[in-house]
Protein backbone atom coordinates (compact mmCIF):
# COMPACT_ATOMS: atom_id res chain seq x y z
CA MET A 1 -41.72 128.62 -3.13
CA LYS A 2 -40.32 131.72 -4.72
CA ASN A 3 -40.51 134.86 -2.62
CA ALA A 4 -43.00 137.23 -4.24
CA GLU A 5 -43.17 140.88 -3.40
CA PHE A 6 -46.45 142.65 -3.39
CA ASN A 7 -46.18 146.39 -3.45
CA VAL A 8 -49.33 147.67 -1.77
CA ALA A 9 -48.77 151.25 -2.87
CA SER A 10 -48.30 150.23 -6.51
CA PHE A 11 -51.41 148.04 -6.47
CA LEU A 12 -53.57 150.79 -4.98
CA GLU A 13 -52.15 153.36 -7.42
CA ASP A 14 -53.06 151.10 -10.38
CA TYR A 15 -56.56 150.58 -8.99
CA LYS A 16 -57.01 154.33 -8.51
CA ARG A 17 -55.75 155.03 -12.04
CA ARG A 18 -58.22 152.50 -13.57
CA ASP A 19 -61.04 154.06 -11.56
CA GLU A 20 -60.08 157.54 -12.81
CA ILE A 21 -59.92 156.35 -16.44
CA GLN A 22 -63.36 154.77 -16.10
CA ARG A 23 -64.89 157.90 -14.52
CA ASP A 24 -63.28 160.16 -17.15
CA PHE A 25 -64.76 158.07 -19.95
CA ILE A 26 -68.22 158.12 -18.36
CA ILE A 27 -68.13 161.85 -17.62
CA HIS A 28 -66.79 162.93 -21.02
CA GLU A 29 -68.18 160.26 -23.35
CA GLY A 30 -71.14 158.84 -21.41
CA TYR A 31 -73.89 160.64 -23.33
CA THR A 32 -72.42 159.74 -26.70
CA ALA A 33 -71.91 156.17 -25.52
CA ILE A 34 -75.50 155.72 -24.28
CA GLU A 35 -76.90 157.11 -27.54
CA GLU A 36 -74.79 154.63 -29.53
CA ILE A 37 -75.69 151.80 -27.15
CA ILE A 38 -79.41 152.54 -27.49
CA ARG A 39 -79.11 152.74 -31.28
CA GLU A 40 -77.29 149.39 -31.46
CA VAL A 41 -79.66 147.71 -28.99
CA ASN A 42 -82.66 148.90 -31.03
CA GLN A 43 -81.07 147.44 -34.17
CA ARG A 44 -79.56 144.25 -32.71
CA GLY A 45 -81.70 143.51 -29.66
CA SER A 46 -78.67 143.34 -27.36
CA LEU A 47 -75.06 144.50 -27.05
CA ASN A 48 -72.07 143.26 -25.05
CA GLU A 49 -68.29 143.38 -25.29
CA ALA A 50 -68.05 140.24 -27.42
CA ASP A 51 -70.28 141.83 -30.10
CA ILE A 52 -67.50 144.31 -30.81
CA TYR A 53 -65.21 141.43 -31.83
CA TYR A 54 -67.57 138.75 -33.08
CA GLY A 55 -70.82 140.51 -33.89
CA THR A 56 -72.30 140.28 -37.34
CA PRO A 57 -72.70 142.95 -38.42
CA LYS A 58 -70.13 144.70 -36.26
CA PRO A 59 -71.62 147.40 -34.03
CA GLN A 60 -70.87 150.95 -35.07
CA LEU A 61 -69.42 152.40 -31.88
CA SER A 62 -66.96 155.21 -31.28
CA PHE A 63 -65.55 153.44 -28.21
CA SER A 64 -63.86 150.13 -27.34
CA ASP A 65 -65.03 146.90 -25.77
CA VAL A 66 -63.23 147.91 -22.57
CA GLU A 67 -65.16 151.18 -22.45
CA LEU A 68 -68.42 149.31 -23.08
CA GLY A 69 -67.42 147.16 -20.11
CA TYR A 70 -66.96 150.33 -18.03
CA MET A 71 -70.51 151.33 -18.87
CA LEU A 72 -71.98 147.90 -18.08
CA THR A 73 -70.13 147.55 -14.79
CA SER A 74 -70.56 151.04 -13.43
CA MET A 75 -74.21 151.38 -14.48
CA MET A 76 -75.04 148.05 -12.81
CA GLU A 77 -73.16 149.10 -9.65
CA TYR A 78 -75.05 152.38 -9.61
CA ALA A 79 -78.40 150.60 -9.97
CA THR A 80 -77.53 148.06 -7.28
CA ASN A 81 -76.46 150.75 -4.83
CA HIS A 82 -79.27 153.24 -5.51
CA VAL A 83 -82.49 151.36 -6.33
CA GLY A 84 -81.68 147.66 -6.04
CA ASN A 85 -82.17 145.10 -8.75
CA PRO A 86 -85.15 143.05 -9.84
CA VAL A 87 -84.52 139.59 -11.27
CA ASP A 88 -85.81 137.68 -14.26
CA GLU A 89 -87.81 134.89 -12.61
CA GLU A 90 -87.85 132.84 -15.82
CA CYS A 91 -84.07 132.68 -16.11
CA GLU A 92 -82.63 129.45 -14.71
CA PHE A 93 -79.43 131.18 -13.56
CA GLU A 94 -78.95 133.70 -10.78
CA ASN A 95 -79.35 137.14 -12.32
CA LYS A 96 -80.16 140.79 -11.81
CA LEU A 97 -81.51 143.57 -13.98
CA ALA A 98 -81.14 147.34 -14.20
CA TYR A 99 -83.12 149.84 -16.27
CA PHE A 100 -81.92 153.22 -17.51
CA GLU A 101 -83.88 155.86 -19.39
CA TYR A 102 -82.38 158.45 -21.70
CA LYS A 103 -84.40 160.69 -24.01
CA ASP A 104 -87.55 158.54 -23.63
CA GLU A 105 -85.65 155.37 -24.55
CA ILE A 106 -85.21 152.59 -22.00
CA VAL A 107 -82.28 150.21 -22.03
CA GLN A 108 -81.94 147.20 -19.77
CA ILE A 109 -78.78 145.67 -18.35
CA PHE A 110 -79.04 141.93 -17.80
CA GLU A 111 -76.39 140.29 -15.64
CA VAL A 112 -76.25 136.50 -15.25
CA TYR A 113 -74.12 134.45 -12.86
CA GLY A 114 -73.15 130.87 -13.57
CA GLN A 115 -69.59 129.71 -13.96
CA GLY A 116 -68.73 133.34 -14.46
CA THR A 117 -70.55 136.60 -14.88
CA GLU A 118 -71.93 137.79 -18.20
CA SER A 119 -73.72 141.07 -18.73
CA TRP A 120 -75.20 142.89 -21.69
CA PHE A 121 -77.44 145.75 -22.71
CA SER A 122 -80.79 144.76 -24.17
CA LYS A 123 -84.16 146.18 -25.06
CA PRO A 124 -86.80 145.45 -22.42
CA SER A 125 -90.08 143.93 -23.53
CA ASP A 126 -93.10 146.16 -24.12
CA GLU A 127 -94.68 144.57 -21.03
CA THR A 128 -91.67 145.53 -18.90
CA ILE A 129 -91.69 149.09 -20.27
CA ASP A 130 -95.39 149.39 -19.34
CA LYS A 131 -94.62 148.11 -15.82
CA LEU A 132 -91.76 150.59 -15.46
CA ASN A 133 -93.95 153.50 -16.60
CA LYS A 134 -97.25 152.63 -14.92
CA THR A 135 -96.64 150.62 -11.75
CA ALA A 136 -94.54 150.58 -8.59
CA TYR A 137 -91.99 148.57 -10.61
CA GLY A 138 -90.99 152.00 -11.93
CA VAL A 139 -88.87 152.44 -8.80
CA TYR A 140 -86.22 150.49 -10.72
CA LEU A 141 -86.13 152.94 -13.63
CA ILE A 142 -83.08 155.20 -13.39
CA GLN A 143 -82.63 158.42 -15.29
CA PHE A 144 -79.29 158.31 -17.13
CA ASP A 145 -78.67 161.96 -16.20
CA ASP A 146 -78.75 160.99 -12.50
CA TYR A 147 -76.08 158.36 -13.13
CA ILE A 148 -73.83 160.85 -14.98
CA ASN A 149 -74.30 163.49 -12.26
CA TYR A 150 -73.46 160.94 -9.57
CA THR A 151 -70.28 159.99 -11.46
CA LYS A 152 -69.30 163.67 -11.77
CA ASN A 153 -69.88 164.22 -8.03
CA LYS A 154 -67.89 161.09 -7.18
CA ASP A 155 -65.05 162.36 -9.38
CA SER A 156 -64.94 165.79 -7.76
CA GLU A 157 -65.03 164.21 -4.27
CA SER A 158 -62.09 161.95 -5.10
CA LYS A 159 -60.06 164.96 -6.24
CA LYS A 160 -60.68 166.66 -2.87
CA VAL A 161 -59.12 163.76 -0.99
CA SER A 162 -55.42 164.16 -0.29
CA SER A 163 -53.13 162.36 -2.68
CA SER A 164 -53.12 158.59 -2.40
CA ASN A 165 -49.34 158.57 -2.01
CA THR A 166 -49.71 160.37 1.30
CA ILE A 167 -52.45 158.01 2.39
CA LEU A 168 -50.56 154.91 1.20
CA ASN A 169 -47.35 156.00 2.88
CA ASP A 170 -49.30 156.53 6.08
CA ILE A 171 -50.74 153.01 5.79
CA THR A 172 -47.65 151.12 4.61
CA GLY A 173 -44.91 153.32 5.95
CA GLY A 174 -43.63 153.38 2.36
CA TYR A 175 -42.69 149.68 2.51
CA THR A 176 -43.50 146.81 0.22
CA VAL A 177 -45.07 143.72 1.70
CA GLY A 178 -43.26 140.43 1.09
CA ILE A 179 -45.40 137.32 0.49
CA GLY A 180 -44.22 133.72 0.56
CA SER A 181 -41.21 131.95 1.98
CA LYS A 182 -38.07 130.09 0.90
């Protein structure tokens, strides 16, 4: 087996950089993105990354499929960590839902697990909207502003932490970790 080197510091730096890029997009473009997402969902019924490539008609978005993925992933994580997730009982696959409200519009994120994970934005049914607005089910409805503010706070906290190079050098002693033999 070929000896492979795994540079822990490099890996963690790349991860940190991706996290910063994602947060920057959400902080600076999040409101524009959610307005465009809501518009497209109202027109199409749903929106995911594949729609940007294969959708007919193509969605009119000012951001990329990767950035749409940032929104899907981070919004679902926020919902999971802050209010939990209901499920669609009628779906035959394991799933979870999240609901976000912005300017009196509600958008749903539907995430399904099977032989992989697929997620998309969609428009909740009128029945679901009534439940969110008039029953205890409303605990699952998240204000988009809260999500943006949380992301801003998370960003400012990460900037207060000492540089990752210092932390990584403390952890790894500045060394790379070798994996494999012969």
